[in-house]
Amino acid sequence: MARRTSRNVDMNISTLKSQHYKLTHLRPRPHRTIVTRSQCDTIVCSFHRLPSEVFDMILDKLSVLEISVFGMVSKDMTRYVVDYISTVAWKNKVIIQNFHYLTCLERRSCIGQYRDLGLLFKRCTLLLPTKERLKIIFSRFSQIPCFMLEQCLAQVCIGFSCYGVFLQTLIAGWDELECHRVFNFLCEHTNLMQKMEAVINGKPGVRWYQELQLRLFCRQVLLDPWPNQPECQFWLMQLLKPWPLVNQAHLLFIFYGPLLPEGTLGWQGLVERGLPHTSLWELARAVLLLSGTTEFVRQTSSSLLAILEELTAIPRPWHVENVARLLVLCGSGLCYSVLASKAVNGRLLEISQLLVYIILVCEKDGYHMTWVVKLVQQVCKIFSTPAEKFCFIQQLENTLSEVTREFLEFSVAGNHLDDREAFQTLCFLLDSSAHFHTKFLHMLLK
């Protein structure tokens, strides 16, 4: 009986082992979590098994930014995305063409959309040659009137701003040769050089609409979108380099000169009266931007001084206070270079007039008079003999007396608004003269 029981136990154990063996071999193994490159290709290719209508429906659900990422999965996917964004339905849905009289929130949304579009087209055309990329990209935007010069008549339009953000996003990181091709491509498709020639060959202010369009296009599309100085310098030089110095000065004024309240360029204001520093700050910034470019660093400063000479005589010689204010805004280096150039050529009267108005500008705008005294000392060192230095100081003092007398005579001639402004300027001039001489004597006696 005991022997039969042990035999039954052995049989049960062997049965359990065989069942366990079967279960372990029949149980499914866990899936691998690592996907090989060949398997990735299989997964990507599985998209091609979808009907094109279904694939379009998927892309319709994605944002512009998401489509730009999706198009980088493979070459085949890039081609499909390019075909998708080439359809009229997609362009009508995504490419905004309403740029007029938008609210602040709508403006921000519109500019953000064009930034995303720039990234989309940048990624979709990544593997193509530059010329081919530009043809594909700009063929989508060539029919938008607000992106073209002299095609939009709306007073409030952000078309150029959107175009500039799109272009800046598209070409960010491109090398200089590619950017040259972009500029040449833009010139061909917008007739930019011909439009610039028509404006600069005309009398300032006559073609006021064309001047304003040229300013808006060049500033908002090519110059202002770049946050870094080197890129802005590059585009400014592309715009100026083809032209003689006198035309470069004309273009600088069109791009950065003061605007009147109605939006036109204030050509005559600089000739007739002194303007506040806010009116000349952008022009001074452009001159400083130009002075830092590689082309001007390689050359002597004579080219920049010649541009400044031409600039301050458009459309006629400026009011001396405006010339002085522009030089003060440009800083010590450029201000000294202008005065030193005149000193070398013996133009003492011009130096004296400029210095008198520089003293006046410093008093009006709150600059420290020590800066002017040091400037006069530097100019004085240019003259080699004591007689020449004495002649320079004498001319400066005589000019100061003469300008003071002119303001005094004008202010007592009547009681009009201009006369009251002249009287205020006279007070500033007297105060500035006292402060200048005080500081001058103090530094001399130290």
Protein backbone atom coordinates (compact mmCIF):
# COMPACT_ATOMS: atom_id res chain seq x y z
CA MET A 1 0.00 0.00 0.00
CA ALA A 2 2.81 2.39 0.86
CA ARG A 3 4.61 1.44 -2.37
CA ARG A 4 1.48 2.31 -4.46
CA THR A 5 1.18 5.74 -2.78
CA SER A 6 4.76 6.74 -3.52
CA ARG A 7 4.29 5.69 -7.15
CA ASN A 8 1.24 8.00 -7.44
CA VAL A 9 3.22 10.91 -6.00
CA ASP A 10 6.01 10.44 -8.55
CA MET A 11 3.47 10.42 -11.38
CA ASN A 12 1.89 13.69 -10.16
CA ILE A 13 5.26 15.42 -9.95
CA SER A 14 6.21 14.39 -13.49
CA THR A 15 2.81 15.57 -14.75
CA LEU A 16 3.31 19.02 -13.13
CA LYS A 17 6.78 19.37 -14.67
CA SER A 18 5.50 18.57 -18.15
CA GLN A 19 2.66 21.09 -17.79
CA HIS A 20 5.06 23.78 -16.54
CA TYR A 21 7.37 23.10 -19.51
CA LYS A 22 4.49 23.49 -21.95
CA LEU A 23 3.25 26.71 -20.30
CA THR A 24 6.68 28.38 -20.33
CA HIS A 25 7.19 27.59 -24.00
CA LEU A 26 3.71 28.63 -25.05
CA ARG A 27 3.74 32.00 -23.14
CA PRO A 28 4.40 34.98 -25.51
CA ARG A 29 7.75 36.72 -25.04
CA PRO A 30 7.88 40.46 -24.17
CA HIS A 31 8.27 42.93 -27.08
CA ARG A 32 11.61 44.66 -27.66
CA THR A 33 11.64 48.35 -26.75
CA ILE A 34 14.54 49.27 -29.04
CA VAL A 35 13.54 50.03 -32.66
CA THR A 36 16.22 49.59 -35.33
CA ARG A 37 16.77 51.96 -38.25
CA SER A 38 15.25 49.51 -40.71
CA GLN A 39 12.15 49.25 -38.54
CA CYS A 40 11.92 53.07 -38.41
CA ASP A 41 11.94 53.16 -42.21
CA THR A 42 9.14 50.61 -42.20
CA ILE A 43 7.11 52.76 -39.82
CA VAL A 44 7.66 55.89 -41.96
CA CYS A 45 6.78 54.03 -45.12
CA SER A 46 3.56 52.93 -43.51
CA PHE A 47 2.29 56.50 -43.97
CA HIS A 48 2.40 55.95 -47.71
CA ARG A 49 -0.16 53.19 -47.38
CA LEU A 50 -2.70 55.79 -46.30
CA PRO A 51 -4.88 57.36 -48.96
CA SER A 52 -3.68 60.88 -49.76
CA GLU A 53 -7.02 62.30 -48.63
CA VAL A 54 -6.55 60.75 -45.17
CA PHE A 55 -2.97 62.02 -44.97
CA ASP A 56 -4.17 65.52 -45.89
CA MET A 57 -6.77 65.31 -43.15
CA ILE A 58 -3.97 64.50 -40.66
CA LEU A 59 -1.89 67.46 -41.82
CA ASP A 60 -4.95 69.71 -41.64
CA LYS A 61 -5.07 69.06 -37.89
CA LEU A 62 -1.44 70.17 -37.37
CA SER A 63 -0.22 73.72 -36.78
CA VAL A 64 2.31 75.34 -39.10
CA LEU A 65 5.08 74.70 -36.58
CA GLU A 66 4.09 71.04 -36.20
CA ILE A 67 4.04 70.55 -39.97
CA SER A 68 7.55 72.03 -40.17
CA VAL A 69 8.78 69.41 -37.68
CA PHE A 70 6.84 66.60 -39.39
CA GLY A 71 8.41 67.44 -42.74
CA MET A 72 11.91 66.74 -41.37
CA VAL A 73 11.17 63.03 -40.73
CA SER A 74 12.42 61.89 -44.14
CA LYS A 75 12.99 63.05 -47.71
CA ASP A 76 9.76 61.44 -48.85
CA MET A 77 7.86 63.19 -46.08
CA THR A 78 9.47 66.51 -47.00
CA ARG A 79 8.33 66.11 -50.61
CA TYR A 80 4.82 65.26 -49.48
CA VAL A 81 4.67 68.30 -47.16
CA VAL A 82 5.96 70.57 -49.94
CA ASP A 83 3.19 69.30 -52.23
CA TYR A 84 0.66 69.79 -49.44
CA ILE A 85 1.61 73.41 -48.71
CA SER A 86 1.60 74.16 -52.44
CA THR A 87 -2.14 73.66 -52.74
CA VAL A 88 -4.43 76.64 -53.13
CA ALA A 89 -6.64 75.40 -50.30
CA TRP A 90 -3.75 75.39 -47.84
CA LYS A 91 -2.51 78.84 -48.93
CA ASN A 92 -5.99 80.33 -48.57
CA LYS A 93 -6.32 78.79 -45.12
CA VAL A 94 -2.88 79.54 -43.63
CA ILE A 95 -1.23 82.45 -45.45
CA ILE A 96 -2.86 85.52 -43.90
CA GLN A 97 -3.34 88.44 -46.28
CA ASN A 98 -5.30 90.83 -44.07
CA PHE A 99 -2.76 93.29 -42.65
CA HIS A 100 -4.88 96.43 -42.23
CA TYR A 101 -6.19 98.11 -39.08
CA LEU A 102 -5.58 95.14 -36.78
CA THR A 103 -5.80 95.18 -33.01
CA CYS A 104 -2.63 94.71 -30.95
CA LEU A 105 -3.48 91.05 -30.32
CA GLU A 106 -4.23 90.44 -34.01
CA ARG A 107 -0.94 92.08 -35.01
CA ARG A 108 1.00 89.86 -32.63
CA SER A 109 -0.80 86.75 -33.91
CA CYS A 110 -0.22 87.67 -37.55
CA ILE A 111 3.50 88.34 -37.06
CA GLY A 112 3.83 85.09 -35.09
CA GLN A 113 2.14 83.18 -37.93
CA TYR A 114 4.66 84.51 -40.46
CA ARG A 115 7.53 83.65 -38.15
CA ASP A 116 6.26 80.06 -38.10
CA LEU A 117 5.83 80.12 -41.89
CA GLY A 118 9.46 81.20 -42.24
CA LEU A 119 10.53 78.20 -40.18
CA LEU A 120 8.29 75.88 -42.20
CA PHE A 121 9.72 76.92 -45.55
CA LYS A 122 13.25 76.94 -44.12
CA ARG A 123 12.92 73.28 -43.09
CA CYS A 124 11.01 72.08 -46.14
CA THR A 125 13.62 73.42 -48.58
CA LEU A 126 16.66 72.55 -46.48
CA LEU A 127 18.24 70.18 -49.01
CA LEU A 128 17.74 72.35 -52.09
CA PRO A 129 20.22 74.83 -53.67
CA THR A 130 19.71 78.45 -52.61
CA LYS A 131 18.27 79.67 -55.92
CA GLU A 132 15.82 76.78 -56.07
CA ARG A 133 14.80 77.40 -52.47
CA LEU A 134 14.10 81.06 -53.17
CA LYS A 135 12.03 80.28 -56.27
CA ILE A 136 9.87 77.80 -54.37
CA ILE A 137 9.45 80.06 -51.36
CA PHE A 138 8.75 83.41 -52.98
CA SER A 139 6.43 81.97 -55.59
CA ARG A 140 3.99 81.48 -52.70
CA PHE A 141 4.15 85.14 -51.65
CA SER A 142 4.67 87.06 -54.89
CA GLN A 143 0.96 87.73 -55.34
CA ILE A 144 0.39 89.40 -51.95
CA PRO A 145 0.01 93.15 -52.66
CA CYS A 146 1.07 94.22 -49.15
CA PHE A 147 4.48 92.57 -49.69
CA MET A 148 5.21 94.62 -52.82
CA LEU A 149 6.44 98.18 -53.19
CA GLU A 150 3.77 100.76 -54.05
CA GLN A 151 0.97 98.17 -54.23
CA CYS A 152 -0.79 98.80 -50.90
CA LEU A 153 -2.66 102.07 -50.34
CA ALA A 154 -3.76 101.45 -46.73
CA GLN A 155 -2.47 103.97 -44.19
CA VAL A 156 -2.05 101.35 -41.46
CA CYS A 157 -0.55 98.10 -42.78
CA ILE A 158 1.79 95.56 -41.18
CA GLY A 159 2.49 93.68 -44.43
CA PHE A 160 6.15 94.73 -44.61
CA SER A 161 6.66 93.84 -40.93
CA CYS A 162 5.27 90.33 -41.51
CA TYR A 163 7.41 89.97 -44.62
CA GLY A 164 10.50 91.04 -42.68
CA VAL A 165 9.88 88.54 -39.85
CA PHE A 166 9.30 85.78 -42.42
CA LEU A 167 12.53 86.62 -44.27
CA GLN A 168 14.60 86.96 -41.10
CA THR A 169 13.41 83.57 -39.81
CA LEU A 170 13.98 81.96 -43.19
CA ILE A 171 17.60 83.04 -43.71
CA ALA A 172 18.84 83.12 -40.10
CA GLY A 173 22.16 81.27 -40.04
CA TRP A 174 22.76 81.46 -43.81
CA ASP A 175 26.28 82.41 -44.85
CA GLU A 176 27.16 85.71 -46.52
CA LEU A 177 27.20 84.32 -50.06
CA GLU A 178 23.67 82.96 -49.68
CA CYS A 179 22.49 86.30 -48.24
CA HIS A 180 23.96 88.07 -51.29
CA ARG A 181 21.86 85.77 -53.47
CA VAL A 182 18.78 86.57 -51.38
CA PHE A 183 19.38 90.30 -51.86
CA ASN A 184 19.88 89.93 -55.62
CA PHE A 185 16.77 87.77 -55.84
CA LEU A 186 14.71 90.39 -53.98
CA CYS A 187 16.03 93.17 -56.20
CA GLU A 188 15.02 91.24 -59.32
CA HIS A 189 11.51 90.48 -58.08
CA THR A 190 10.74 93.92 -56.61
CA ASN A 191 12.68 96.20 -59.02
CA LEU A 192 14.20 97.66 -55.87
CA MET A 193 17.23 99.26 -57.54
CA GLN A 194 15.15 100.94 -60.23
CA LYS A 195 12.77 102.35 -57.62
CA MET A 196 15.71 103.62 -55.54
CA GLU A 197 17.23 105.28 -58.60
CA ALA A 198 13.97 107.05 -59.44
CA VAL A 199 13.74 108.46 -55.91
CA ILE A 200 17.34 109.60 -55.41
CA ASN A 201 17.50 111.24 -58.82
CA GLY A 202 14.43 113.32 -58.07
CA LYS A 203 14.12 116.44 -55.94
CA PRO A 204 13.75 115.61 -52.21
CA GLY A 205 10.13 115.56 -51.13
CA VAL A 206 8.56 115.59 -54.62
CA ARG A 207 8.07 111.79 -54.78
CA TRP A 208 6.97 111.67 -51.15
CA TYR A 209 4.88 108.48 -51.51
CA GLN A 210 7.70 106.57 -53.24
CA GLU A 211 10.15 107.84 -50.58
CA LEU A 212 7.92 106.58 -47.78
CA GLN A 213 7.35 103.21 -49.47
CA LEU A 214 11.09 102.77 -49.99
CA ARG A 215 11.74 103.64 -46.34
CA LEU A 216 9.11 101.23 -45.03
CA PHE A 217 10.21 98.35 -47.26
CA CYS A 218 13.94 98.68 -46.55
CA ARG A 219 13.50 99.30 -42.83
CA GLN A 220 10.79 96.75 -42.03
CA VAL A 221 11.85 93.98 -44.44
CA LEU A 222 15.66 94.22 -44.53
CA LEU A 223 17.04 96.33 -41.66
CA ASP A 224 14.90 96.41 -38.51
CA PRO A 225 14.09 92.66 -38.12
CA TRP A 226 17.72 91.88 -37.25
CA PRO A 227 18.44 92.19 -33.51
CA ASN A 228 22.21 91.98 -33.96
CA GLN A 229 24.33 94.79 -35.36
CA PRO A 230 26.46 92.77 -37.88
CA GLU A 231 23.41 91.51 -39.79
CA CYS A 232 21.88 94.99 -39.92
CA GLN A 233 25.24 96.39 -41.13
CA PHE A 234 25.34 93.78 -43.89
CA TRP A 235 21.91 94.72 -45.27
CA LEU A 236 22.59 98.46 -44.96
CA MET A 237 25.78 98.06 -47.00
CA GLN A 238 23.93 96.03 -49.66
CA LEU A 239 21.49 98.93 -50.06
CA LEU A 240 24.13 101.68 -50.15
CA LYS A 241 27.14 100.10 -51.85
CA PRO A 242 25.95 100.33 -55.48
CA TRP A 243 25.58 104.12 -55.29
CA PRO A 244 27.96 107.14 -55.20
CA LEU A 245 28.52 108.85 -51.84
CA VAL A 246 26.06 111.66 -52.53
CA ASN A 247 23.33 109.11 -53.27
CA GLN A 248 24.29 107.10 -50.19
CA ALA A 249 23.70 110.21 -48.09
CA HIS A 250 20.32 110.71 -49.79
CA LEU A 251 19.32 107.11 -49.06
CA LEU A 252 20.43 107.36 -45.43
CA PHE A 253 18.09 110.31 -44.99
CA ILE A 254 15.22 108.42 -46.64
CA PHE A 255 15.79 105.38 -44.40
CA TYR A 256 16.44 107.14 -41.08
CA GLY A 257 15.58 110.84 -41.42
CA PRO A 258 12.93 112.52 -39.24
CA LEU A 259 9.26 112.06 -40.13
CA LEU A 260 6.56 114.71 -39.96
CA PRO A 261 3.33 113.96 -38.01
CA GLU A 262 1.52 113.12 -41.25
CA GLY A 263 4.16 110.47 -42.03
CA THR A 264 6.22 112.17 -44.75
CA LEU A 265 9.93 112.92 -44.53
CA GLY A 266 10.83 116.23 -42.87
CA TRP A 267 13.31 117.54 -45.43
CA GLN A 268 12.69 121.25 -44.82
CA GLY A 269 12.54 121.09 -41.03
CA LEU A 270 16.27 120.44 -40.75
CA VAL A 271 16.98 123.49 -42.91
CA GLU A 272 14.65 125.99 -41.26
CA ARG A 273 14.96 125.43 -37.51
CA GLY A 274 16.62 123.41 -34.77
CA LEU A 275 14.93 120.06 -34.10
CA PRO A 276 14.92 118.05 -30.84
CA HIS A 277 17.36 115.20 -30.39
CA THR A 278 14.55 112.64 -30.80
CA SER A 279 14.20 113.69 -34.45
CA LEU A 280 17.88 113.00 -35.18
CA TRP A 281 18.57 109.97 -33.03
CA GLU A 282 17.77 107.35 -35.70
CA LEU A 283 19.92 109.18 -38.25
CA ALA A 284 22.83 109.28 -35.78
CA ARG A 285 22.35 105.57 -35.08
CA ALA A 286 22.54 104.85 -38.82
CA VAL A 287 25.77 106.86 -39.16
CA LEU A 288 27.31 104.94 -36.24
CA LEU A 289 26.10 101.67 -37.77
CA LEU A 290 27.74 102.61 -41.04
CA SER A 291 31.00 103.63 -39.35
CA GLY A 292 31.35 100.13 -37.87
CA THR A 293 31.00 98.22 -41.15
CA THR A 294 33.98 96.31 -42.54
CA GLU A 295 34.04 98.36 -45.74
CA PHE A 296 34.49 101.64 -43.86
CA VAL A 297 36.97 100.16 -41.38
CA ARG A 298 39.20 99.09 -44.25
CA GLN A 299 39.10 102.56 -45.77
CA THR A 300 40.04 105.86 -44.20
CA SER A 301 37.37 107.90 -42.47
CA SER A 302 37.21 110.24 -45.47
CA SER A 303 34.34 108.29 -47.05
CA LEU A 304 32.18 108.58 -43.96
CA LEU A 305 33.05 112.27 -43.53
CA ALA A 306 32.10 112.86 -47.16
CA ILE A 307 28.74 111.16 -46.58
CA LEU A 308 28.17 113.32 -43.49
CA GLU A 309 29.07 116.43 -45.50
CA GLU A 310 26.54 115.50 -48.16
CA LEU A 311 23.93 114.41 -45.63
CA THR A 312 23.90 117.76 -43.80
CA ALA A 313 23.36 119.62 -47.08
CA ILE A 314 20.19 117.77 -48.22
CA PRO A 315 18.05 119.39 -49.58
CA ARG A 316 20.04 122.53 -48.63
CA PRO A 317 22.59 123.19 -45.87
CA TRP A 318 21.03 122.36 -42.51
CA HIS A 319 20.48 124.73 -39.64
CA VAL A 320 23.80 124.69 -37.75
CA GLU A 321 22.11 123.54 -34.54
CA ASN A 322 20.91 120.37 -36.28
CA VAL A 323 24.40 119.63 -37.59
CA ALA A 324 25.82 120.14 -34.10
CA ARG A 325 23.15 117.93 -32.52
CA LEU A 326 23.79 115.13 -35.01
CA LEU A 327 27.53 115.26 -34.22
CA VAL A 328 26.89 115.22 -30.48
CA LEU A 329 24.64 112.16 -30.90
CA CYS A 330 27.32 110.45 -32.99
CA GLY A 331 29.81 110.73 -30.13
CA SER A 332 33.33 112.02 -29.47
CA GLY A 333 35.22 110.09 -32.14
CA LEU A 334 33.16 111.12 -35.13
CA CYS A 335 32.61 114.64 -33.81
CA TYR A 336 36.37 115.17 -33.44
CA SER A 337 37.04 113.70 -36.90
CA VAL A 338 34.68 116.23 -38.53
CA LEU A 339 36.21 119.18 -36.66
CA ALA A 340 39.77 117.99 -37.25
CA SER A 341 39.12 117.63 -40.98
CA LYS A 342 37.90 121.22 -41.14
CA ALA A 343 40.86 122.41 -39.04
CA VAL A 344 43.38 120.79 -41.39
CA ASN A 345 41.70 122.55 -44.32
CA GLY A 346 41.77 125.93 -42.52
CA ARG A 347 37.97 126.30 -42.19
CA LEU A 348 38.10 128.15 -38.88
CA LEU A 349 34.76 129.91 -39.24
CA GLU A 350 32.90 126.59 -39.77
CA ILE A 351 34.69 125.02 -36.79
CA SER A 352 33.80 127.98 -34.58
CA GLN A 353 30.14 127.95 -35.62
CA LEU A 354 29.88 124.22 -34.99
CA LEU A 355 31.54 124.48 -31.59
CA VAL A 356 29.27 127.35 -30.51
CA TYR A 357 26.20 125.31 -31.40
CA ILE A 358 27.69 122.17 -29.83
CA ILE A 359 28.01 124.19 -26.60
CA LEU A 360 24.37 125.28 -27.00
CA VAL A 361 23.17 121.71 -27.70
CA CYS A 362 24.98 120.38 -24.64
CA GLU A 363 23.26 123.01 -22.49
CA LYS A 364 19.83 122.31 -24.00
CA ASP A 365 20.05 118.52 -23.96
CA GLY A 366 21.77 118.14 -20.60
CA TYR A 367 25.27 116.99 -21.62
CA HIS A 368 28.21 117.77 -19.34
CA MET A 369 30.24 120.78 -20.45
CA THR A 370 33.52 119.03 -19.64
CA TRP A 371 33.05 117.01 -22.82
CA VAL A 372 33.00 120.16 -24.98
CA VAL A 373 36.05 121.63 -23.21
CA LYS A 374 38.04 118.45 -23.89
CA LEU A 375 36.87 118.54 -27.50
CA VAL A 376 38.13 122.13 -27.89
CA GLN A 377 41.46 121.15 -26.33
CA GLN A 378 41.83 118.27 -28.79
CA VAL A 379 41.07 120.52 -31.77
CA CYS A 380 43.51 123.12 -30.46
CA LYS A 381 46.34 120.56 -30.53
CA ILE A 382 45.92 120.23 -34.31
CA PHE A 383 47.38 123.74 -34.76
CA SER A 384 51.14 123.63 -34.55
CA THR A 385 52.12 127.22 -33.62
CA PRO A 386 50.97 129.46 -30.74
CA ALA A 387 49.79 132.05 -33.27
CA GLU A 388 47.49 129.52 -34.96
CA LYS A 389 46.09 128.39 -31.61
CA PHE A 390 45.43 132.00 -30.60
CA CYS A 391 43.70 132.65 -33.92
CA PHE A 392 41.48 129.60 -33.37
CA ILE A 393 40.46 130.67 -29.83
CA GLN A 394 39.88 134.25 -31.00
CA GLN A 395 37.65 133.08 -33.85
CA LEU A 396 35.67 130.87 -31.44
CA GLU A 397 35.05 133.77 -29.04
CA ASN A 398 34.12 136.17 -31.86
CA THR A 399 31.64 133.65 -33.25
CA LEU A 400 30.10 133.16 -29.82
CA SER A 401 29.60 136.94 -29.51
CA GLU A 402 28.18 137.20 -33.03
CA VAL A 403 25.66 134.35 -32.55
CA THR A 404 24.58 135.82 -29.21
CA ARG A 405 24.01 139.22 -30.85
CA GLU A 406 21.95 137.66 -33.66
CA PHE A 407 19.64 135.90 -31.19
CA LEU A 408 19.32 139.09 -29.15
CA GLU A 409 18.38 141.19 -32.18
CA PHE A 410 15.87 138.60 -33.36
CA SER A 411 14.23 138.22 -29.96
CA VAL A 412 13.64 141.97 -29.48
CA ALA A 413 12.32 142.49 -33.00
CA GLY A 414 8.75 141.41 -32.13
CA ASN A 415 6.50 139.30 -29.91
CA HIS A 416 5.69 136.36 -32.18
CA LEU A 417 6.07 132.73 -31.13
CA ASP A 418 9.33 132.40 -33.09
CA ASP A 419 10.68 135.42 -31.25
CA ARG A 420 9.90 133.84 -27.88
CA GLU A 421 11.70 130.69 -28.99
CA ALA A 422 14.65 132.84 -30.04
CA PHE A 423 14.66 134.49 -26.60
CA GLN A 424 14.67 131.08 -24.91
CA THR A 425 17.55 130.01 -27.13
CA LEU A 426 19.37 133.22 -26.21
CA CYS A 427 19.00 132.36 -22.52
CA PHE A 428 20.33 128.88 -23.17
CA LEU A 429 23.25 130.33 -25.11
CA LEU A 430 24.18 132.76 -22.32
CA ASP A 431 24.00 130.00 -19.73
CA SER A 432 26.01 127.63 -21.91
CA SER A 433 28.67 130.30 -22.51
CA ALA A 434 29.03 130.88 -18.78
CA HIS A 435 29.24 127.14 -18.02
CA PHE A 436 31.71 126.52 -20.84
CA HIS A 437 34.08 129.30 -19.79
CA THR A 438 33.84 128.30 -16.15
CA LYS A 439 34.78 124.72 -16.94
CA PHE A 440 37.43 125.83 -19.43
CA LEU A 441 39.17 128.09 -16.90
CA HIS A 442 38.85 125.48 -14.17
CA MET A 443 40.58 122.84 -16.30
CA LEU A 444 43.19 125.34 -17.45
CA LEU A 445 44.10 126.43 -13.90
CA LYS A 446 44.25 122.93 -12.42
